[in-house]
Amino acid sequence: GHEKMALRKELGISENTFILFYHGSLGTWYLGEKMLDFYENLLKTKPDSVFLLVVNDFPVSLQKSVQQRGLGDKIILRQKLPRQRIPLYLSLANLCIMFIKPVFSKTASSPIKYAESLAMNKPVLANIGVGDMAELADNDWGFLVKQLTQSEYQDAIRALSAFNNRQIRRQSKSSYLLSSGVEKYDDVYAKTCKVLL
């Protein structure tokens, strides 16, 4: 509790401010502009919210976009933080966002930041078309947008106001706990061997 309060103070974020959070890389696969679009929609409902990004690099094109949109004082950026500091920043989040290009090479991937957010009881807003996101988001751990459009963003924001995130960590364990992953993998392996023999 004390650490979180100290970090809020350091970042200039008051206790009741809603924090949209993103962490990781902002490279080729991540849709930074679309995440800013969502944040602009969020501001209409939660005008005192901030967008906290803990990233390796913040592309120049996004810096320009932030300025053009007049979001300079609403975006809090921290770069190249030591890995062990990230959970503390994540602990401040009200909602984690990750919009990823739904390209073929990503259909079999599931971002590690998704599991990290769930492990800390944080709901996630993601887009469809990446790995098992659709199936996972159906488990009441977060919100899924089918298209990156204003109306979908507004639906997610409305759903958010009625969301209870206390169960996220407990419910998501069955999918993300290492031991259950090993068990599932072993089961698939055994079935495959039976088919082959």
C-alpha atoms as a PDB file:
ATOM      1  CA  GLY A   1       0.000   0.000   0.000  1.00  0.00           C
ATOM      2  CA  HIS A   2       2.708   2.479   0.991  1.00  0.00           C
ATOM      3  CA  GLU A   3       4.743   1.745  -2.161  1.00  0.00           C
ATOM      4  CA  LYS A   4       1.708   2.266  -4.379  1.00  0.00           C
ATOM      5  CA  MET A   5       0.886   5.574  -2.694  1.00  0.00           C
ATOM      6  CA  ALA A   6       4.485   6.723  -3.082  1.00  0.00           C
ATOM      7  CA  LEU A   7       4.480   5.821  -6.774  1.00  0.00           C
ATOM      8  CA  ARG A   8       1.177   7.630  -7.372  1.00  0.00           C
ATOM      9  CA  LYS A   9       2.687  10.700  -5.743  1.00  0.00           C
ATOM     10  CA  GLU A  10       5.858  10.418  -7.835  1.00  0.00           C
ATOM     11  CA  LEU A  11       3.761  10.147 -11.024  1.00  0.00           C
ATOM     12  CA  GLY A  12       1.426  12.966  -9.966  1.00  0.00           C
ATOM     13  CA  ILE A  13      -1.663  10.722 -10.056  1.00  0.00           C
ATOM     14  CA  SER A  14      -4.333  11.336  -7.423  1.00  0.00           C
ATOM     15  CA  GLU A  15      -6.004   8.446  -5.609  1.00  0.00           C
ATOM     16  CA  ASN A  16      -9.288   8.515  -7.550  1.00  0.00           C
ATOM     17  CA  THR A  17      -7.794   8.937 -11.008  1.00  0.00           C
ATOM     18  CA  PHE A  18      -8.663   6.120 -13.431  1.00  0.00           C
ATOM     19  CA  ILE A  19      -5.486   4.638 -14.951  1.00  0.00           C
ATOM     20  CA  LEU A  20      -5.417   3.042 -18.389  1.00  0.00           C
ATOM     21  CA  PHE A  21      -2.205   1.028 -18.579  1.00  0.00           C
ATOM     22  CA  TYR A  22       0.021  -0.381 -21.292  1.00  0.00           C
ATOM     23  CA  HIS A  23       3.392  -2.038 -20.857  1.00  0.00           C
ATOM     24  CA  GLY A  24       5.937  -3.638 -23.138  1.00  0.00           C
ATOM     25  CA  SER A  25       7.066  -2.921 -26.650  1.00  0.00           C
ATOM     26  CA  LEU A  26       5.388  -0.478 -29.012  1.00  0.00           C
ATOM     27  CA  GLY A  27       6.973  -2.018 -32.092  1.00  0.00           C
ATOM     28  CA  THR A  28       5.476  -3.309 -35.304  1.00  0.00           C
ATOM     29  CA  TRP A  29       2.679  -5.419 -33.842  1.00  0.00           C
ATOM     30  CA  TYR A  30       1.150  -3.011 -31.361  1.00  0.00           C
ATOM     31  CA  LEU A  31      -1.450  -0.507 -32.525  1.00  0.00           C
ATOM     32  CA  GLY A  32      -0.410   2.630 -30.655  1.00  0.00           C
ATOM     33  CA  GLU A  33      -2.685   4.989 -32.611  1.00  0.00           C
ATOM     34  CA  LYS A  34      -5.713   2.781 -31.972  1.00  0.00           C
ATOM     35  CA  MET A  35      -4.912   2.659 -28.259  1.00  0.00           C
ATOM     36  CA  LEU A  36      -4.825   6.477 -28.267  1.00  0.00           C
ATOM     37  CA  ASP A  37      -8.214   6.449 -30.053  1.00  0.00           C
ATOM     38  CA  PHE A  38      -9.621   4.281 -27.275  1.00  0.00           C
ATOM     39  CA  TYR A  39      -8.142   6.577 -24.630  1.00  0.00           C
ATOM     40  CA  GLU A  40      -9.780   9.624 -26.245  1.00  0.00           C
ATOM     41  CA  ASN A  41     -13.110   7.802 -25.991  1.00  0.00           C
ATOM     42  CA  LEU A  42     -12.408   6.923 -22.365  1.00  0.00           C
ATOM     43  CA  LEU A  43     -11.755  10.600 -21.599  1.00  0.00           C
ATOM     44  CA  LYS A  44     -15.348  11.461 -22.588  1.00  0.00           C
ATOM     45  CA  THR A  45     -16.619   9.238 -19.777  1.00  0.00           C
ATOM     46  CA  LYS A  46     -13.703   9.602 -17.365  1.00  0.00           C
ATOM     47  CA  PRO A  47     -12.228  13.070 -17.985  1.00  0.00           C
ATOM     48  CA  ASP A  48      -9.763  12.799 -15.094  1.00  0.00           C
ATOM     49  CA  SER A  49      -8.253   9.512 -16.356  1.00  0.00           C
ATOM     50  CA  VAL A  50      -4.618   9.155 -17.420  1.00  0.00           C
ATOM     51  CA  PHE A  51      -2.867   6.784 -19.816  1.00  0.00           C
ATOM     52  CA  LEU A  52       0.232   5.304 -18.197  1.00  0.00           C
ATOM     53  CA  LEU A  53       2.661   3.636 -20.591  1.00  0.00           C
ATOM     54  CA  VAL A  54       5.684   1.678 -19.395  1.00  0.00           C
ATOM     55  CA  VAL A  55       7.566   0.998 -22.622  1.00  0.00           C
ATOM     56  CA  ASN A  56      11.006   0.361 -24.020  1.00  0.00           C
ATOM     57  CA  ASP A  57      10.718   3.011 -26.719  1.00  0.00           C
ATOM     58  CA  PHE A  58       8.049   5.518 -27.633  1.00  0.00           C
ATOM     59  CA  PRO A  59       8.044   6.019 -31.421  1.00  0.00           C
ATOM     60  CA  VAL A  60       8.402   9.584 -32.730  1.00  0.00           C
ATOM     61  CA  SER A  61       5.204   9.172 -34.778  1.00  0.00           C
ATOM     62  CA  LEU A  62       3.262   8.463 -31.573  1.00  0.00           C
ATOM     63  CA  GLN A  63       4.882  11.389 -29.765  1.00  0.00           C
ATOM     64  CA  LYS A  64       3.653  13.638 -32.587  1.00  0.00           C
ATOM     65  CA  SER A  65       0.189  12.096 -32.435  1.00  0.00           C
ATOM     66  CA  VAL A  66      -0.027  12.697 -28.672  1.00  0.00           C
ATOM     67  CA  GLN A  67       0.809  16.387 -29.230  1.00  0.00           C
ATOM     68  CA  GLN A  68      -1.616  16.766 -32.169  1.00  0.00           C
ATOM     69  CA  ARG A  69      -4.418  15.244 -30.104  1.00  0.00           C
ATOM     70  CA  GLY A  70      -3.620  17.605 -27.205  1.00  0.00           C
ATOM     71  CA  LEU A  71      -3.026  14.678 -24.846  1.00  0.00           C
ATOM     72  CA  GLY A  72       0.428  15.758 -23.659  1.00  0.00           C
ATOM     73  CA  ASP A  73      -0.598  16.312 -20.038  1.00  0.00           C
ATOM     74  CA  LYS A  74      -2.697  13.131 -19.924  1.00  0.00           C
ATOM     75  CA  ILE A  75      -0.059  10.650 -21.041  1.00  0.00           C
ATOM     76  CA  ILE A  76       2.421   9.441 -18.440  1.00  0.00           C
ATOM     77  CA  LEU A  77       5.407   7.773 -20.005  1.00  0.00           C
ATOM     78  CA  ARG A  78       8.086   5.695 -18.323  1.00  0.00           C
ATOM     79  CA  GLN A  79      10.819   4.149 -20.450  1.00  0.00           C
ATOM     80  CA  LYS A  80      13.307   1.347 -19.916  1.00  0.00           C
ATOM     81  CA  LEU A  81      12.260   0.508 -16.370  1.00  0.00           C
ATOM     82  CA  PRO A  82      13.949  -2.458 -14.675  1.00  0.00           C
ATOM     83  CA  ARG A  83      11.754  -5.561 -15.085  1.00  0.00           C
ATOM     84  CA  GLN A  84      11.233  -5.964 -11.329  1.00  0.00           C
ATOM     85  CA  ARG A  85       9.652  -2.490 -11.103  1.00  0.00           C
ATOM     86  CA  ILE A  86       6.889  -3.227 -13.620  1.00  0.00           C
ATOM     87  CA  PRO A  87       4.525  -5.132 -11.244  1.00  0.00           C
ATOM     88  CA  LEU A  88       4.375  -2.068  -8.989  1.00  0.00           C
ATOM     89  CA  TYR A  89       3.337   0.129 -11.930  1.00  0.00           C
ATOM     90  CA  LEU A  90       0.869  -2.536 -13.077  1.00  0.00           C
ATOM     91  CA  SER A  91      -0.646  -2.604  -9.586  1.00  0.00           C
ATOM     92  CA  LEU A  92      -1.897   0.973 -10.151  1.00  0.00           C
ATOM     93  CA  ALA A  93      -3.862   0.079 -13.305  1.00  0.00           C
ATOM     94  CA  ASN A  94      -7.650   0.101 -13.523  1.00  0.00           C
ATOM     95  CA  LEU A  95      -7.608  -1.355 -17.027  1.00  0.00           C
ATOM     96  CA  CYS A  96      -4.798  -2.808 -19.156  1.00  0.00           C
ATOM     97  CA  ILE A  97      -5.009  -2.297 -22.896  1.00  0.00           C
ATOM     98  CA  MET A  98      -3.353  -4.247 -25.688  1.00  0.00           C
ATOM     99  CA  PHE A  99      -4.367  -3.765 -29.285  1.00  0.00           C
ATOM    100  CA  ILE A 100      -2.342  -5.996 -31.580  1.00  0.00           C
ATOM    101  CA  LYS A 101      -2.349  -6.199 -35.387  1.00  0.00           C
ATOM    102  CA  PRO A 102      -4.535  -9.209 -36.201  1.00  0.00           C
ATOM    103  CA  VAL A 103      -2.153 -10.680 -38.737  1.00  0.00           C
ATOM    104  CA  PHE A 104      -1.687 -14.362 -39.551  1.00  0.00           C
ATOM    105  CA  SER A 105       1.609 -14.695 -37.673  1.00  0.00           C
ATOM    106  CA  LYS A 106      -0.143 -13.634 -34.448  1.00  0.00           C
ATOM    107  CA  THR A 107      -3.000 -16.138 -34.605  1.00  0.00           C
ATOM    108  CA  ALA A 108      -1.014 -18.644 -32.559  1.00  0.00           C
ATOM    109  CA  SER A 109       0.409 -16.199 -30.027  1.00  0.00           C
ATOM    110  CA  SER A 110      -0.871 -15.059 -26.658  1.00  0.00           C
ATOM    111  CA  PRO A 111       0.903 -12.010 -25.233  1.00  0.00           C
ATOM    112  CA  ILE A 112       2.700 -12.608 -21.929  1.00  0.00           C
ATOM    113  CA  LYS A 113       1.484  -9.199 -20.716  1.00  0.00           C
ATOM    114  CA  TYR A 114      -2.067 -10.590 -20.844  1.00  0.00           C
ATOM    115  CA  ALA A 115      -1.234 -13.287 -18.277  1.00  0.00           C
ATOM    116  CA  GLU A 116       0.787 -10.813 -16.169  1.00  0.00           C
ATOM    117  CA  SER A 117      -2.207  -8.471 -15.955  1.00  0.00           C
ATOM    118  CA  LEU A 118      -4.612 -11.245 -14.975  1.00  0.00           C
ATOM    119  CA  ALA A 119      -2.187 -12.512 -12.328  1.00  0.00           C
ATOM    120  CA  MET A 120      -2.444  -9.084 -10.698  1.00  0.00           C
ATOM    121  CA  ASN A 121      -6.260  -9.021 -10.866  1.00  0.00           C
ATOM    122  CA  LYS A 122      -6.342  -6.433 -13.636  1.00  0.00           C
ATOM    123  CA  PRO A 123      -8.968  -6.584 -16.390  1.00  0.00           C
ATOM    124  CA  VAL A 124      -7.691  -6.446 -19.959  1.00  0.00           C
ATOM    125  CA  LEU A 125      -9.067  -4.769 -23.052  1.00  0.00           C
ATOM    126  CA  ALA A 126      -7.889  -6.541 -26.197  1.00  0.00           C
ATOM    127  CA  ASN A 127      -8.859  -6.927 -29.828  1.00  0.00           C
ATOM    128  CA  ILE A 128      -9.967 -10.077 -31.575  1.00  0.00           C
ATOM    129  CA  GLY A 129      -7.770 -12.002 -34.004  1.00  0.00           C
ATOM    130  CA  VAL A 130      -4.788 -12.732 -31.779  1.00  0.00           C
ATOM    131  CA  GLY A 131      -4.228 -16.201 -30.361  1.00  0.00           C
ATOM    132  CA  ASP A 132      -6.847 -17.413 -27.900  1.00  0.00           C
ATOM    133  CA  MET A 133      -7.984 -13.921 -26.892  1.00  0.00           C
ATOM    134  CA  ALA A 134     -11.623 -14.464 -27.870  1.00  0.00           C
ATOM    135  CA  GLU A 135     -11.941 -17.617 -25.775  1.00  0.00           C
ATOM    136  CA  LEU A 136     -10.097 -16.071 -22.826  1.00  0.00           C
ATOM    137  CA  ALA A 137     -11.990 -12.793 -22.799  1.00  0.00           C
ATOM    138  CA  ASP A 138     -15.248 -14.785 -22.681  1.00  0.00           C
ATOM    139  CA  ASN A 139     -14.190 -15.882 -19.204  1.00  0.00           C
ATOM    140  CA  ASP A 140     -15.078 -12.495 -17.707  1.00  0.00           C
ATOM    141  CA  TRP A 141     -11.489 -11.434 -17.284  1.00  0.00           C
ATOM    142  CA  GLY A 142     -11.769  -8.450 -19.529  1.00  0.00           C
ATOM    143  CA  PHE A 143     -13.216  -6.915 -22.636  1.00  0.00           C
ATOM    144  CA  LEU A 144     -12.812  -7.785 -26.253  1.00  0.00           C
ATOM    145  CA  VAL A 145     -13.397  -5.449 -29.165  1.00  0.00           C
ATOM    146  CA  LYS A 146     -14.269  -7.169 -32.438  1.00  0.00           C
ATOM    147  CA  GLN A 147     -13.433  -4.079 -34.460  1.00  0.00           C
ATOM    148  CA  LEU A 148     -11.343  -1.060 -33.603  1.00  0.00           C
ATOM    149  CA  THR A 149     -14.229   1.403 -33.839  1.00  0.00           C
ATOM    150  CA  GLN A 150     -15.721   4.159 -31.669  1.00  0.00           C
ATOM    151  CA  SER A 151     -18.939   2.230 -31.020  1.00  0.00           C
ATOM    152  CA  GLU A 152     -17.012  -0.861 -29.875  1.00  0.00           C
ATOM    153  CA  TYR A 153     -14.861   1.325 -27.595  1.00  0.00           C
ATOM    154  CA  GLN A 154     -17.969   2.904 -26.093  1.00  0.00           C
ATOM    155  CA  ASP A 155     -19.557  -0.528 -25.491  1.00  0.00           C
ATOM    156  CA  ALA A 156     -16.391  -1.648 -23.676  1.00  0.00           C
ATOM    157  CA  ILE A 157     -16.347   1.533 -21.573  1.00  0.00           C
ATOM    158  CA  ARG A 158     -19.999   0.994 -20.599  1.00  0.00           C
ATOM    159  CA  ALA A 159     -19.291  -2.636 -19.667  1.00  0.00           C
ATOM    160  CA  LEU A 160     -16.320  -1.512 -17.615  1.00  0.00           C
ATOM    161  CA  SER A 161     -18.447   0.525 -15.217  1.00  0.00           C
ATOM    162  CA  ALA A 162     -20.277  -2.643 -14.106  1.00  0.00           C
ATOM    163  CA  PHE A 163     -17.177  -4.826 -13.930  1.00  0.00           C
ATOM    164  CA  ASN A 164     -16.017  -6.612 -10.806  1.00  0.00           C
ATOM    165  CA  ASN A 165     -12.350  -7.591 -11.057  1.00  0.00           C
ATOM    166  CA  ARG A 166     -11.895  -9.306  -7.720  1.00  0.00           C
ATOM    167  CA  GLN A 167     -12.170 -12.787  -9.232  1.00  0.00           C
ATOM    168  CA  ILE A 168      -9.800 -12.329 -12.181  1.00  0.00           C
ATOM    169  CA  ARG A 169      -6.691 -13.886 -10.688  1.00  0.00           C
ATOM    170  CA  ARG A 170      -8.541 -16.880  -9.237  1.00  0.00           C
ATOM    171  CA  GLN A 171     -10.571 -17.587 -12.395  1.00  0.00           C
ATOM    172  CA  SER A 172      -7.665 -17.199 -14.784  1.00  0.00           C
ATOM    173  CA  LYS A 173      -5.375 -19.592 -12.895  1.00  0.00           C
ATOM    174  CA  SER A 174      -6.816 -22.627 -14.669  1.00  0.00           C
ATOM    175  CA  SER A 175      -5.618 -21.258 -18.007  1.00  0.00           C
ATOM    176  CA  TYR A 176      -2.348 -19.664 -17.009  1.00  0.00           C
ATOM    177  CA  LEU A 177      -0.889 -21.514 -14.039  1.00  0.00           C
ATOM    178  CA  LEU A 178       2.306 -23.241 -15.175  1.00  0.00           C
ATOM    179  CA  SER A 179       1.371 -26.552 -13.547  1.00  0.00           C
ATOM    180  CA  SER A 180      -1.995 -26.699 -15.346  1.00  0.00           C
ATOM    181  CA  GLY A 181      -0.238 -25.760 -18.594  1.00  0.00           C
ATOM    182  CA  VAL A 182       2.141 -28.683 -18.141  1.00  0.00           C
ATOM    183  CA  GLU A 183      -0.808 -30.982 -17.429  1.00  0.00           C
ATOM    184  CA  LYS A 184      -2.667 -29.865 -20.574  1.00  0.00           C
ATOM    185  CA  TYR A 185       0.444 -30.194 -22.713  1.00  0.00           C
ATOM    186  CA  ASP A 186       1.060 -33.697 -21.341  1.00  0.00           C
ATOM    187  CA  ASP A 187      -2.534 -34.652 -22.119  1.00  0.00           C
ATOM    188  CA  VAL A 188      -2.232 -33.459 -25.749  1.00  0.00           C
ATOM    189  CA  TYR A 189       1.126 -35.247 -26.080  1.00  0.00           C
ATOM    190  CA  ALA A 190      -0.337 -38.545 -24.779  1.00  0.00           C
ATOM    191  CA  LYS A 191      -3.338 -38.328 -27.136  1.00  0.00           C
ATOM    192  CA  THR A 192      -1.068 -37.552 -30.081  1.00  0.00           C
ATOM    193  CA  CYS A 193       1.132 -40.555 -29.308  1.00  0.00           C
ATOM    194  CA  LYS A 194      -1.933 -42.824 -29.215  1.00  0.00           C
ATOM    195  CA  VAL A 195      -3.020 -41.590 -32.655  1.00  0.00           C
ATOM    196  CA  LEU A 196       0.458 -42.067 -34.106  1.00  0.00           C
ATOM    197  CA  LEU A 197       0.954 -45.544 -32.679  1.00  0.00           C
END
